[in-house]
N, C-alpha and C. Protein backbone atom coordinates (compact mmCIF):
# COMPACT_ATOMS: atom_id res chain seq x y z
N MET A 1 92.57 119.36 115.44
CA MET A 1 93.79 118.57 115.60
C MET A 1 93.55 117.14 115.11
N ARG A 2 94.50 116.60 114.38
CA ARG A 2 94.36 115.26 113.84
C ARG A 2 94.47 114.22 114.95
N GLN A 3 93.71 113.14 114.78
CA GLN A 3 93.73 112.06 115.76
C GLN A 3 94.11 110.77 115.03
N ILE A 4 95.16 110.14 115.52
CA ILE A 4 95.71 108.93 114.90
C ILE A 4 95.66 107.79 115.90
N ALA A 5 95.21 106.62 115.44
CA ALA A 5 95.21 105.42 116.28
C ALA A 5 96.30 104.47 115.80
N ILE A 6 97.11 104.00 116.74
CA ILE A 6 98.20 103.08 116.42
C ILE A 6 97.97 101.77 117.15
N PHE A 7 98.00 100.67 116.41
CA PHE A 7 97.77 99.35 116.97
C PHE A 7 99.05 98.52 116.88
N GLY A 8 99.56 98.13 118.05
CA GLY A 8 100.82 97.39 118.09
C GLY A 8 101.94 98.32 118.53
N LEU A 9 102.48 98.07 119.72
CA LEU A 9 103.49 98.97 120.29
C LEU A 9 104.84 98.30 120.43
N GLY A 10 105.22 97.58 119.38
CA GLY A 10 106.58 97.05 119.32
C GLY A 10 107.53 98.20 119.02
N SER A 11 108.72 97.90 118.57
CA SER A 11 109.72 98.94 118.31
C SER A 11 109.21 99.98 117.32
N PHE A 12 108.63 99.51 116.22
CA PHE A 12 108.14 100.43 115.19
C PHE A 12 106.95 101.26 115.69
N GLY A 13 105.94 100.59 116.24
CA GLY A 13 104.74 101.28 116.70
C GLY A 13 105.05 102.30 117.78
N LYS A 14 105.93 101.94 118.68
CA LYS A 14 106.32 102.86 119.76
C LYS A 14 107.03 104.09 119.20
N ALA A 15 107.97 103.87 118.27
CA ALA A 15 108.69 105.00 117.66
C ALA A 15 107.74 105.91 116.90
N LEU A 16 106.78 105.32 116.19
CA LEU A 16 105.80 106.09 115.44
C LEU A 16 104.92 106.91 116.38
N ALA A 17 104.44 106.28 117.45
CA ALA A 17 103.57 106.97 118.41
C ALA A 17 104.28 108.17 119.04
N LYS A 18 105.52 107.97 119.45
CA LYS A 18 106.27 109.06 120.07
C LYS A 18 106.53 110.19 119.09
N SER A 19 106.87 109.85 117.85
CA SER A 19 107.16 110.88 116.84
C SER A 19 105.92 111.71 116.55
N LEU A 20 104.78 111.06 116.41
CA LEU A 20 103.54 111.77 116.13
C LEU A 20 103.13 112.65 117.32
N ALA A 21 103.22 112.09 118.52
CA ALA A 21 102.84 112.84 119.72
C ALA A 21 103.72 114.08 119.90
N SER A 22 105.01 113.94 119.56
CA SER A 22 105.93 115.08 119.70
C SER A 22 105.59 116.21 118.74
N GLU A 23 104.84 115.88 117.67
CA GLU A 23 104.42 116.89 116.70
C GLU A 23 103.04 117.45 117.02
N GLY A 24 102.50 117.09 118.18
CA GLY A 24 101.22 117.64 118.60
C GLY A 24 100.00 116.89 118.12
N VAL A 25 100.20 115.69 117.55
CA VAL A 25 99.08 114.87 117.09
C VAL A 25 98.46 114.14 118.28
N GLU A 26 97.13 114.03 118.31
CA GLU A 26 96.47 113.22 119.33
C GLU A 26 96.60 111.75 118.96
N VAL A 27 97.27 110.98 119.79
CA VAL A 27 97.56 109.58 119.49
C VAL A 27 96.82 108.66 120.45
N ILE A 28 96.10 107.69 119.88
CA ILE A 28 95.52 106.60 120.66
C ILE A 28 96.40 105.37 120.41
N ALA A 29 97.07 104.89 121.44
CA ALA A 29 98.00 103.77 121.32
C ALA A 29 97.38 102.51 121.92
N VAL A 30 97.36 101.43 121.14
CA VAL A 30 96.68 100.21 121.57
C VAL A 30 97.60 98.99 121.44
N ASP A 31 97.62 98.16 122.49
CA ASP A 31 98.38 96.91 122.45
C ASP A 31 97.81 95.96 123.50
N ARG A 32 97.94 94.67 123.27
CA ARG A 32 97.48 93.70 124.27
C ARG A 32 98.40 93.66 125.49
N ASP A 33 99.67 93.99 125.26
CA ASP A 33 100.69 93.91 126.31
C ASP A 33 100.58 95.12 127.26
N LYS A 34 100.22 94.87 128.49
CA LYS A 34 100.04 95.96 129.46
C LYS A 34 101.35 96.71 129.73
N ASP A 35 102.47 95.99 129.70
CA ASP A 35 103.76 96.64 129.94
C ASP A 35 104.09 97.65 128.85
N LYS A 36 103.79 97.28 127.61
CA LYS A 36 104.05 98.19 126.48
C LYS A 36 103.16 99.43 126.57
N VAL A 37 101.93 99.22 126.96
CA VAL A 37 100.99 100.33 127.11
C VAL A 37 101.44 101.25 128.24
N GLU A 38 101.88 100.65 129.34
CA GLU A 38 102.38 101.41 130.49
C GLU A 38 103.59 102.26 130.08
N ASP A 39 104.42 101.71 129.20
CA ASP A 39 105.65 102.38 128.78
C ASP A 39 105.38 103.59 127.89
N ILE A 40 104.23 103.61 127.20
CA ILE A 40 103.95 104.68 126.25
C ILE A 40 102.94 105.70 126.77
N LYS A 41 102.27 105.40 127.86
CA LYS A 41 101.11 106.19 128.30
C LYS A 41 101.43 107.67 128.56
N ASP A 42 102.65 107.97 128.98
CA ASP A 42 102.99 109.35 129.29
C ASP A 42 103.28 110.19 128.05
N TYR A 43 103.35 109.55 126.90
CA TYR A 43 103.67 110.25 125.66
C TYR A 43 102.45 110.52 124.78
N VAL A 44 101.39 109.74 124.95
CA VAL A 44 100.25 109.80 124.02
C VAL A 44 98.98 110.30 124.72
N THR A 45 97.95 110.56 123.92
CA THR A 45 96.68 111.05 124.46
C THR A 45 95.92 109.97 125.20
N VAL A 46 95.83 108.79 124.58
CA VAL A 46 95.15 107.64 125.17
C VAL A 46 96.01 106.40 124.96
N ALA A 47 96.20 105.61 126.00
CA ALA A 47 96.92 104.34 125.88
C ALA A 47 96.01 103.25 126.43
N ALA A 48 95.74 102.23 125.62
CA ALA A 48 94.78 101.19 126.02
C ALA A 48 95.36 99.80 125.84
N ALA A 49 95.29 99.00 126.90
CA ALA A 49 95.71 97.59 126.84
C ALA A 49 94.47 96.76 126.54
N CYS A 50 94.30 96.36 125.28
CA CYS A 50 93.10 95.63 124.90
C CYS A 50 93.33 94.89 123.58
N ASP A 51 92.31 94.15 123.18
CA ASP A 51 92.36 93.34 121.96
C ASP A 51 91.82 94.15 120.79
N SER A 52 92.68 94.48 119.84
CA SER A 52 92.25 95.31 118.71
C SER A 52 91.44 94.54 117.68
N THR A 53 91.29 93.21 117.87
CA THR A 53 90.47 92.43 116.93
C THR A 53 89.03 92.31 117.42
N ASP A 54 88.71 93.02 118.50
CA ASP A 54 87.35 93.01 119.05
C ASP A 54 86.64 94.30 118.65
N GLU A 55 85.61 94.18 117.86
CA GLU A 55 84.92 95.36 117.31
C GLU A 55 84.33 96.23 118.42
N LYS A 56 83.74 95.62 119.41
CA LYS A 56 83.13 96.38 120.50
C LYS A 56 84.16 97.22 121.23
N THR A 57 85.34 96.65 121.44
CA THR A 57 86.43 97.37 122.11
C THR A 57 86.83 98.60 121.31
N LEU A 58 86.95 98.43 119.99
CA LEU A 58 87.35 99.56 119.14
C LEU A 58 86.29 100.66 119.16
N LYS A 59 85.04 100.27 119.17
CA LYS A 59 83.95 101.26 119.24
C LYS A 59 83.99 102.02 120.56
N ASN A 60 84.29 101.30 121.66
CA ASN A 60 84.37 101.94 122.97
C ASN A 60 85.50 102.97 123.02
N LEU A 61 86.53 102.75 122.23
CA LEU A 61 87.66 103.68 122.17
C LEU A 61 87.38 104.85 121.21
N GLY A 62 86.28 104.75 120.48
CA GLY A 62 85.95 105.81 119.52
C GLY A 62 86.80 105.78 118.28
N ILE A 63 87.28 104.60 117.91
CA ILE A 63 88.19 104.48 116.78
C ILE A 63 87.56 104.92 115.47
N GLU A 64 86.24 104.79 115.36
CA GLU A 64 85.58 105.19 114.11
C GLU A 64 85.69 106.69 113.84
N ASN A 65 86.12 107.46 114.85
CA ASN A 65 86.23 108.91 114.70
C ASN A 65 87.65 109.39 114.38
N VAL A 66 88.62 108.49 114.34
CA VAL A 66 90.00 108.93 114.09
C VAL A 66 90.19 109.28 112.62
N ASP A 67 91.21 110.09 112.34
CA ASP A 67 91.51 110.49 110.97
C ASP A 67 92.31 109.42 110.24
N LEU A 68 93.11 108.67 110.99
CA LEU A 68 93.96 107.65 110.38
C LEU A 68 94.24 106.54 111.38
N GLY A 69 94.22 105.31 110.92
CA GLY A 69 94.59 104.18 111.76
C GLY A 69 95.82 103.51 111.20
N CYS A 70 96.79 103.25 112.04
CA CYS A 70 98.02 102.59 111.61
C CYS A 70 98.15 101.27 112.35
N VAL A 71 98.09 100.16 111.62
CA VAL A 71 98.23 98.83 112.20
C VAL A 71 99.70 98.44 112.12
N ALA A 72 100.38 98.55 113.26
CA ALA A 72 101.82 98.30 113.32
C ALA A 72 102.14 96.95 113.94
N ILE A 73 101.15 96.07 113.98
CA ILE A 73 101.34 94.74 114.59
C ILE A 73 102.29 93.92 113.72
N GLY A 74 103.31 93.33 114.36
CA GLY A 74 104.33 92.62 113.60
C GLY A 74 104.14 91.13 113.53
N GLU A 75 104.43 90.42 114.62
CA GLU A 75 104.49 88.96 114.59
C GLU A 75 103.13 88.29 114.37
N ASP A 76 102.08 88.81 114.94
CA ASP A 76 100.76 88.19 114.84
C ASP A 76 100.07 88.67 113.55
N VAL A 77 100.33 87.96 112.47
CA VAL A 77 99.80 88.35 111.16
C VAL A 77 98.28 88.37 111.16
N GLU A 78 97.67 87.37 111.78
CA GLU A 78 96.21 87.28 111.80
C GLU A 78 95.60 88.48 112.52
N ALA A 79 96.18 88.85 113.66
CA ALA A 79 95.67 90.00 114.41
C ALA A 79 95.81 91.29 113.60
N GLY A 80 96.92 91.41 112.89
CA GLY A 80 97.12 92.59 112.05
C GLY A 80 96.07 92.71 110.96
N LEU A 81 95.77 91.59 110.31
CA LEU A 81 94.78 91.60 109.23
C LEU A 81 93.38 91.86 109.77
N LEU A 82 93.02 91.19 110.88
CA LEU A 82 91.69 91.38 111.46
C LEU A 82 91.49 92.81 111.93
N THR A 83 92.50 93.39 112.52
CA THR A 83 92.41 94.78 112.96
C THR A 83 92.20 95.70 111.76
N THR A 84 92.93 95.46 110.70
CA THR A 84 92.80 96.27 109.49
C THR A 84 91.39 96.18 108.92
N ILE A 85 90.85 94.97 108.87
CA ILE A 85 89.49 94.76 108.35
C ILE A 85 88.46 95.50 109.21
N LEU A 86 88.65 95.45 110.52
CA LEU A 86 87.73 96.15 111.42
C LEU A 86 87.79 97.66 111.22
N LEU A 87 88.99 98.18 111.00
CA LEU A 87 89.12 99.63 110.76
C LEU A 87 88.37 100.02 109.49
N LYS A 88 88.47 99.16 108.48
CA LYS A 88 87.72 99.39 107.24
C LYS A 88 86.21 99.38 107.52
N LYS A 89 85.79 98.39 108.29
CA LYS A 89 84.36 98.24 108.61
C LYS A 89 83.83 99.44 109.38
N LEU A 90 84.66 99.98 110.27
CA LEU A 90 84.25 101.12 111.09
C LEU A 90 84.31 102.45 110.34
N GLY A 91 84.83 102.41 109.13
CA GLY A 91 84.84 103.62 108.31
C GLY A 91 86.01 104.55 108.54
N VAL A 92 87.12 104.04 109.10
CA VAL A 92 88.31 104.88 109.27
C VAL A 92 88.78 105.31 107.88
N PRO A 93 88.88 106.61 107.60
CA PRO A 93 89.12 107.09 106.23
C PRO A 93 90.47 106.71 105.62
N THR A 94 91.51 106.65 106.45
CA THR A 94 92.84 106.32 105.93
C THR A 94 93.47 105.26 106.84
N ILE A 95 94.00 104.21 106.21
CA ILE A 95 94.60 103.12 106.98
C ILE A 95 95.99 102.79 106.45
N PHE A 96 96.97 102.80 107.35
CA PHE A 96 98.30 102.29 107.07
C PHE A 96 98.39 100.94 107.78
N SER A 97 98.97 99.94 107.13
CA SER A 97 99.06 98.64 107.78
C SER A 97 100.38 97.96 107.45
N ARG A 98 100.97 97.36 108.45
CA ARG A 98 102.28 96.73 108.30
C ARG A 98 102.15 95.31 107.75
N ALA A 99 103.06 94.98 106.82
CA ALA A 99 103.10 93.64 106.26
C ALA A 99 104.46 93.02 106.57
N VAL A 100 104.43 91.79 107.09
CA VAL A 100 105.69 91.10 107.41
C VAL A 100 105.87 89.84 106.56
N THR A 101 104.87 89.49 105.76
CA THR A 101 104.98 88.34 104.85
C THR A 101 104.42 88.74 103.49
N PRO A 102 104.88 88.09 102.42
CA PRO A 102 104.35 88.39 101.08
C PRO A 102 102.84 88.18 100.97
N MET A 103 102.32 87.13 101.60
CA MET A 103 100.89 86.86 101.56
C MET A 103 100.10 87.97 102.25
N GLN A 104 100.61 88.40 103.40
CA GLN A 104 99.94 89.49 104.12
C GLN A 104 99.90 90.75 103.26
N LYS A 105 100.97 91.01 102.56
CA LYS A 105 101.03 92.18 101.68
C LYS A 105 99.97 92.10 100.59
N GLU A 106 99.81 90.92 99.99
CA GLU A 106 98.82 90.75 98.94
C GLU A 106 97.40 90.94 99.48
N ILE A 107 97.16 90.44 100.69
CA ILE A 107 95.83 90.59 101.29
C ILE A 107 95.54 92.07 101.58
N LEU A 108 96.54 92.78 102.08
CA LEU A 108 96.37 94.20 102.37
C LEU A 108 96.10 94.99 101.10
N LYS A 109 96.73 94.59 100.00
CA LYS A 109 96.45 95.23 98.72
C LYS A 109 94.99 95.03 98.33
N ALA A 110 94.51 93.79 98.53
CA ALA A 110 93.12 93.46 98.20
C ALA A 110 92.14 94.23 99.08
N ILE A 111 92.50 94.43 100.35
CA ILE A 111 91.64 95.18 101.27
C ILE A 111 91.57 96.65 100.85
N GLY A 112 92.67 97.15 100.30
CA GLY A 112 92.69 98.53 99.83
C GLY A 112 93.16 99.54 100.85
N VAL A 113 94.20 99.20 101.62
CA VAL A 113 94.74 100.18 102.57
C VAL A 113 95.48 101.27 101.82
N ALA A 114 95.62 102.43 102.47
CA ALA A 114 96.26 103.57 101.82
C ALA A 114 97.76 103.34 101.66
N ARG A 115 98.37 102.66 102.63
CA ARG A 115 99.81 102.41 102.54
C ARG A 115 100.17 101.13 103.26
N ILE A 116 100.98 100.32 102.60
CA ILE A 116 101.49 99.09 103.21
C ILE A 116 102.90 99.38 103.72
N ILE A 117 103.12 99.11 104.99
CA ILE A 117 104.40 99.42 105.63
C ILE A 117 105.25 98.15 105.71
N GLU A 118 106.49 98.26 105.24
CA GLU A 118 107.42 97.13 105.29
C GLU A 118 108.76 97.60 105.85
N ILE A 119 108.71 98.17 107.01
CA ILE A 119 109.92 98.76 107.58
C ILE A 119 110.05 98.45 109.06
N GLU A 120 111.19 98.82 109.64
CA GLU A 120 111.45 98.54 111.05
C GLU A 120 111.56 99.83 111.86
N GLU A 121 112.07 99.71 113.05
CA GLU A 121 112.04 100.80 114.04
C GLU A 121 112.57 102.13 113.52
N GLU A 122 113.69 102.10 112.81
CA GLU A 122 114.32 103.36 112.41
C GLU A 122 113.46 104.17 111.45
N MET A 123 112.44 103.53 110.86
CA MET A 123 111.60 104.24 109.91
C MET A 123 110.32 104.79 110.54
N GLY A 124 110.11 104.57 111.81
CA GLY A 124 108.90 105.07 112.45
C GLY A 124 108.74 106.57 112.31
N SER A 125 109.81 107.31 112.52
CA SER A 125 109.73 108.77 112.42
C SER A 125 109.47 109.22 111.00
N GLU A 126 109.93 108.44 109.99
CA GLU A 126 109.70 108.81 108.60
C GLU A 126 108.23 108.65 108.23
N ILE A 127 107.59 107.59 108.73
CA ILE A 127 106.16 107.41 108.49
C ILE A 127 105.38 108.52 109.17
N ALA A 128 105.84 108.92 110.37
CA ALA A 128 105.19 110.04 111.06
C ALA A 128 105.23 111.29 110.19
N SER A 129 106.34 111.51 109.50
CA SER A 129 106.47 112.69 108.64
C SER A 129 105.45 112.67 107.51
N THR A 130 105.22 111.49 106.92
CA THR A 130 104.28 111.42 105.81
C THR A 130 102.84 111.58 106.28
N ILE A 131 102.57 111.21 107.53
CA ILE A 131 101.23 111.41 108.08
C ILE A 131 100.99 112.90 108.33
N ILE A 132 101.98 113.54 108.94
CA ILE A 132 101.85 114.94 109.30
C ILE A 132 101.89 115.84 108.07
N ALA A 133 102.75 115.53 107.11
CA ALA A 133 102.90 116.35 105.90
C ALA A 133 102.79 115.46 104.67
N PRO A 134 101.56 115.11 104.28
CA PRO A 134 101.36 114.17 103.18
C PRO A 134 101.86 114.65 101.82
N LYS A 135 102.14 115.96 101.67
CA LYS A 135 102.65 116.44 100.39
C LYS A 135 104.14 116.12 100.21
N ILE A 136 104.79 115.71 101.29
CA ILE A 136 106.19 115.31 101.16
C ILE A 136 106.25 113.94 100.49
N LEU A 137 106.92 113.86 99.35
CA LEU A 137 106.99 112.62 98.59
C LEU A 137 108.19 111.77 99.01
N LYS A 138 109.32 112.44 99.23
CA LYS A 138 110.53 111.74 99.67
C LYS A 138 111.28 112.63 100.64
N ARG A 139 112.05 112.01 101.53
CA ARG A 139 112.83 112.77 102.49
C ARG A 139 114.20 112.14 102.68
N VAL A 140 115.23 112.97 102.72
CA VAL A 140 116.57 112.53 103.07
C VAL A 140 116.99 113.33 104.30
N THR A 141 117.26 112.65 105.40
CA THR A 141 117.63 113.32 106.64
C THR A 141 119.10 113.72 106.58
N LEU A 142 119.37 115.00 106.81
CA LEU A 142 120.74 115.51 106.79
C LEU A 142 121.35 115.54 108.18
N GLY A 143 120.52 115.58 109.18
CA GLY A 143 120.97 115.64 110.57
C GLY A 143 119.75 115.58 111.45
N GLU A 144 119.92 115.90 112.70
CA GLU A 144 118.82 115.80 113.65
C GLU A 144 117.65 116.71 113.29
N ASN A 145 117.95 117.90 112.74
CA ASN A 145 116.88 118.87 112.49
C ASN A 145 116.80 119.37 111.06
N HIS A 146 117.55 118.79 110.13
CA HIS A 146 117.57 119.26 108.75
C HIS A 146 117.33 118.12 107.77
N SER A 147 116.66 118.46 106.66
CA SER A 147 116.35 117.45 105.64
C SER A 147 116.35 118.06 104.26
N ILE A 148 116.44 117.19 103.26
CA ILE A 148 116.12 117.53 101.88
C ILE A 148 114.86 116.76 101.55
N VAL A 149 113.82 117.45 101.05
CA VAL A 149 112.57 116.77 100.76
C VAL A 149 112.09 117.09 99.36
N GLU A 150 111.33 116.16 98.83
CA GLU A 150 110.70 116.31 97.52
C GLU A 150 109.20 116.51 97.76
N ILE A 151 108.66 117.64 97.28
CA ILE A 151 107.24 117.93 97.53
C ILE A 151 106.55 118.40 96.25
N LYS A 152 105.24 118.24 96.24
CA LYS A 152 104.44 118.82 95.16
C LYS A 152 104.46 120.33 95.32
N VAL A 153 104.57 121.03 94.23
CA VAL A 153 104.64 122.49 94.32
C VAL A 153 103.36 123.02 94.97
N PRO A 154 103.47 123.85 96.00
CA PRO A 154 102.27 124.43 96.61
C PRO A 154 101.48 125.26 95.59
N SER A 155 100.17 125.21 95.67
CA SER A 155 99.33 125.91 94.70
C SER A 155 99.61 127.41 94.67
N LYS A 156 100.01 127.97 95.83
CA LYS A 156 100.27 129.41 95.89
C LYS A 156 101.55 129.81 95.14
N PHE A 157 102.37 128.82 94.76
CA PHE A 157 103.60 129.11 94.00
C PHE A 157 103.34 129.14 92.50
N VAL A 158 102.28 128.47 92.05
CA VAL A 158 102.04 128.29 90.61
C VAL A 158 101.87 129.64 89.92
N GLY A 159 102.61 129.81 88.80
CA GLY A 159 102.54 131.04 88.03
C GLY A 159 103.45 132.14 88.53
N LYS A 160 104.20 131.86 89.61
CA LYS A 160 105.11 132.87 90.17
C LYS A 160 106.57 132.49 89.93
N ARG A 161 107.42 133.51 89.88
CA ARG A 161 108.85 133.29 89.71
C ARG A 161 109.50 132.94 91.05
N ILE A 162 110.58 132.19 90.99
CA ILE A 162 111.33 131.86 92.21
C ILE A 162 111.76 133.13 92.92
N SER A 163 112.22 134.11 92.15
CA SER A 163 112.75 135.34 92.75
C SER A 163 111.69 136.11 93.53
N GLU A 164 110.45 136.16 93.03
CA GLU A 164 109.43 136.95 93.72
C GLU A 164 108.91 136.27 94.99
N LEU A 165 109.10 134.98 95.12
CA LEU A 165 108.64 134.27 96.32
C LEU A 165 109.58 134.48 97.50
N GLU A 166 110.85 134.77 97.22
CA GLU A 166 111.84 135.02 98.27
C GLU A 166 111.83 133.93 99.35
N LEU A 167 111.91 132.69 98.91
CA LEU A 167 111.79 131.56 99.83
C LEU A 167 112.90 131.52 100.86
N ARG A 168 114.10 131.87 100.44
CA ARG A 168 115.21 131.84 101.40
C ARG A 168 115.02 132.88 102.49
N LYS A 169 114.52 134.05 102.11
CA LYS A 169 114.33 135.14 103.07
C LYS A 169 113.09 134.92 103.94
N LYS A 170 111.96 134.57 103.31
CA LYS A 170 110.69 134.48 104.03
C LYS A 170 110.47 133.13 104.71
N ASN A 171 110.91 132.05 104.04
CA ASN A 171 110.64 130.70 104.56
C ASN A 171 111.88 129.97 105.05
N LYS A 172 113.06 130.57 104.84
CA LYS A 172 114.34 129.96 105.23
C LYS A 172 114.52 128.60 104.55
N ILE A 173 114.10 128.54 103.28
CA ILE A 173 114.15 127.31 102.49
C ILE A 173 114.99 127.55 101.25
N ASN A 174 115.80 126.57 100.88
CA ASN A 174 116.57 126.64 99.64
C ASN A 174 116.02 125.65 98.62
N ILE A 175 115.78 126.11 97.40
CA ILE A 175 115.35 125.21 96.34
C ILE A 175 116.57 124.55 95.71
N VAL A 176 116.63 123.24 95.80
CA VAL A 176 117.76 122.47 95.28
C VAL A 176 117.56 122.13 93.81
N ALA A 177 116.32 121.78 93.43
CA ALA A 177 116.04 121.38 92.06
C ALA A 177 114.54 121.42 91.80
N ILE A 178 114.19 121.41 90.52
CA ILE A 178 112.79 121.33 90.09
C ILE A 178 112.66 120.18 89.10
N LYS A 179 111.70 119.30 89.35
CA LYS A 179 111.41 118.20 88.43
C LYS A 179 110.14 118.55 87.66
N ARG A 180 110.20 118.39 86.33
CA ARG A 180 109.07 118.81 85.50
C ARG A 180 108.92 117.86 84.32
N ASN A 181 107.68 117.52 83.99
CA ASN A 181 107.41 116.70 82.81
C ASN A 181 107.31 117.62 81.59
N VAL A 182 108.10 117.31 80.55
CA VAL A 182 108.12 118.14 79.35
C VAL A 182 107.85 117.26 78.13
N PRO A 183 107.22 117.85 77.07
CA PRO A 183 106.96 117.08 75.84
C PRO A 183 108.26 116.67 75.18
N ASP A 184 108.25 115.50 74.57
CA ASP A 184 109.43 114.99 73.89
C ASP A 184 108.98 114.21 72.66
N ILE A 185 109.82 114.16 71.65
CA ILE A 185 109.50 113.42 70.43
C ILE A 185 110.10 112.03 70.49
N ASP A 186 109.29 111.04 70.27
CA ASP A 186 109.74 109.65 70.22
C ASP A 186 110.31 109.40 68.83
N LYS A 187 111.62 109.44 68.71
CA LYS A 187 112.26 109.33 67.41
C LYS A 187 112.02 107.97 66.76
N ALA A 188 111.86 106.94 67.56
CA ALA A 188 111.66 105.60 67.02
C ALA A 188 110.30 105.46 66.34
N ASN A 189 109.27 106.05 66.96
CA ASN A 189 107.91 105.89 66.43
C ASN A 189 107.34 107.16 65.81
N GLY A 190 108.08 108.26 65.96
CA GLY A 190 107.62 109.51 65.37
C GLY A 190 106.50 110.19 66.15
N GLY A 191 106.17 109.66 67.32
CA GLY A 191 105.10 110.24 68.12
C GLY A 191 105.63 111.15 69.20
N ARG A 192 104.70 111.61 70.03
CA ARG A 192 105.08 112.49 71.14
C ARG A 192 104.95 111.73 72.46
N LYS A 193 105.81 112.04 73.37
CA LYS A 193 105.75 111.45 74.69
C LYS A 193 106.16 112.50 75.71
N VAL A 194 106.11 112.13 76.95
CA VAL A 194 106.50 113.05 78.02
C VAL A 194 107.70 112.48 78.75
N LYS A 195 108.68 113.30 79.02
CA LYS A 195 109.84 112.86 79.79
C LYS A 195 110.06 113.78 80.98
N GLU A 196 110.67 113.23 82.01
CA GLU A 196 110.95 114.02 83.21
C GLU A 196 112.27 114.77 83.06
N GLU A 197 112.21 116.06 83.30
CA GLU A 197 113.39 116.91 83.21
C GLU A 197 113.71 117.45 84.59
N ILE A 198 114.95 117.36 85.01
CA ILE A 198 115.35 117.84 86.33
C ILE A 198 116.29 119.03 86.17
N ASN A 199 115.88 120.15 86.69
CA ASN A 199 116.68 121.38 86.66
C ASN A 199 117.37 121.53 88.01
N THR A 200 118.66 121.19 88.06
CA THR A 200 119.38 121.20 89.33
C THR A 200 119.92 122.58 89.71
N VAL A 201 119.88 123.52 88.75
CA VAL A 201 120.28 124.89 89.08
C VAL A 201 119.20 125.82 88.54
N PRO A 202 118.02 125.83 89.19
CA PRO A 202 116.92 126.63 88.67
C PRO A 202 117.22 128.12 88.68
N ASP A 203 116.94 128.76 87.54
CA ASP A 203 117.14 130.21 87.40
C ASP A 203 116.13 130.95 88.27
N PRO A 204 116.52 132.06 88.89
CA PRO A 204 115.59 132.83 89.74
C PRO A 204 114.33 133.28 89.00
N GLU A 205 114.41 133.35 87.66
CA GLU A 205 113.26 133.79 86.88
C GLU A 205 112.37 132.63 86.45
N THR A 206 112.71 131.40 86.87
CA THR A 206 111.88 130.24 86.55
C THR A 206 110.50 130.40 87.15
N ILE A 207 109.47 130.15 86.32
CA ILE A 207 108.08 130.24 86.78
C ILE A 207 107.57 128.84 87.09
N PHE A 208 106.96 128.68 88.26
CA PHE A 208 106.47 127.36 88.67
C PHE A 208 105.23 126.96 87.87
N ASP A 209 105.23 125.70 87.42
CA ASP A 209 104.07 125.11 86.76
C ASP A 209 103.26 124.28 87.76
N GLU A 210 102.02 124.02 87.41
CA GLU A 210 101.10 123.33 88.31
C GLU A 210 101.57 121.93 88.71
N ASP A 211 102.23 121.21 87.79
CA ASP A 211 102.62 119.83 88.05
C ASP A 211 104.08 119.67 88.49
N ASP A 212 104.73 120.78 88.80
CA ASP A 212 106.14 120.71 89.22
C ASP A 212 106.30 119.94 90.53
N ILE A 213 107.43 119.28 90.65
CA ILE A 213 107.88 118.71 91.91
C ILE A 213 109.13 119.48 92.30
N ILE A 214 109.15 120.02 93.51
CA ILE A 214 110.33 120.79 93.91
C ILE A 214 111.08 120.06 95.02
N ILE A 215 112.38 120.17 94.96
CA ILE A 215 113.25 119.56 95.97
C ILE A 215 113.86 120.71 96.77
N VAL A 216 113.57 120.72 98.07
CA VAL A 216 114.02 121.82 98.92
C VAL A 216 114.83 121.30 100.09
N ALA A 217 115.67 122.17 100.63
CA ALA A 217 116.49 121.83 101.79
C ALA A 217 116.30 122.88 102.87
N GLY A 218 116.33 122.43 104.13
CA GLY A 218 116.18 123.37 105.23
C GLY A 218 115.93 122.67 106.54
N LYS A 219 115.62 123.45 107.56
CA LYS A 219 115.27 122.89 108.86
C LYS A 219 113.91 122.21 108.76
N ASN A 220 113.75 121.13 109.50
CA ASN A 220 112.48 120.39 109.46
C ASN A 220 111.28 121.26 109.82
N SER A 221 111.46 122.14 110.80
CA SER A 221 110.35 123.01 111.21
C SER A 221 109.95 123.98 110.10
N ASP A 222 110.94 124.49 109.36
CA ASP A 222 110.64 125.41 108.26
C ASP A 222 110.00 124.68 107.09
N ILE A 223 110.45 123.45 106.84
CA ILE A 223 109.85 122.65 105.77
C ILE A 223 108.40 122.33 106.13
N LYS A 224 108.16 122.01 107.38
CA LYS A 224 106.80 121.70 107.83
C LYS A 224 105.89 122.92 107.65
N ASN A 225 106.38 124.12 107.96
CA ASN A 225 105.59 125.34 107.78
C ASN A 225 105.27 125.59 106.32
N LEU A 226 106.25 125.28 105.46
CA LEU A 226 106.04 125.45 104.01
C LEU A 226 104.92 124.54 103.53
């Protein structure tokens, strides 16, 4: 089971922690504010009221063993940066970190975090989706339980026809479109280039290529299984 550490339990951090926990992820939630920690403790695996800029504290929590650390600290820019640096030092393999100023964003780029977050509370659940299902490139929510998502074609689809996969029958998924890079001639320079082609009505006999991007629609649980 994946273990995720979240630092900062404001509106965004709290929404992210709850969304991840609801999907069965082990969540370690950290904030200096005891009230915020008290408010989240019943939803997550571990809730700790402590200073995330203290290396010894992070080691005591076992943060070096988590799969991903998300620094969701908002107002205290310095604390957010120091926490991010410590996660790097401790060897956390993947780090998401929130930026609230242009300078902070530039520093996070220099540190080399996996993703810089520039969003508010309503996007917490969307970030949770990308953590849980990293192959999802984009998502459009259609309702409480349905979405249209853009994903890299699964390796098991490559070389097979849409019809033989029976996605609607077996996976309860509808293919909306296929995005594919195809060779093209640059008429201005006489050379070759690659352009993106979108097939919005894919033929059942279409064979999936290795680099295809597919856009599918369905229930979130079925998309997650796919």
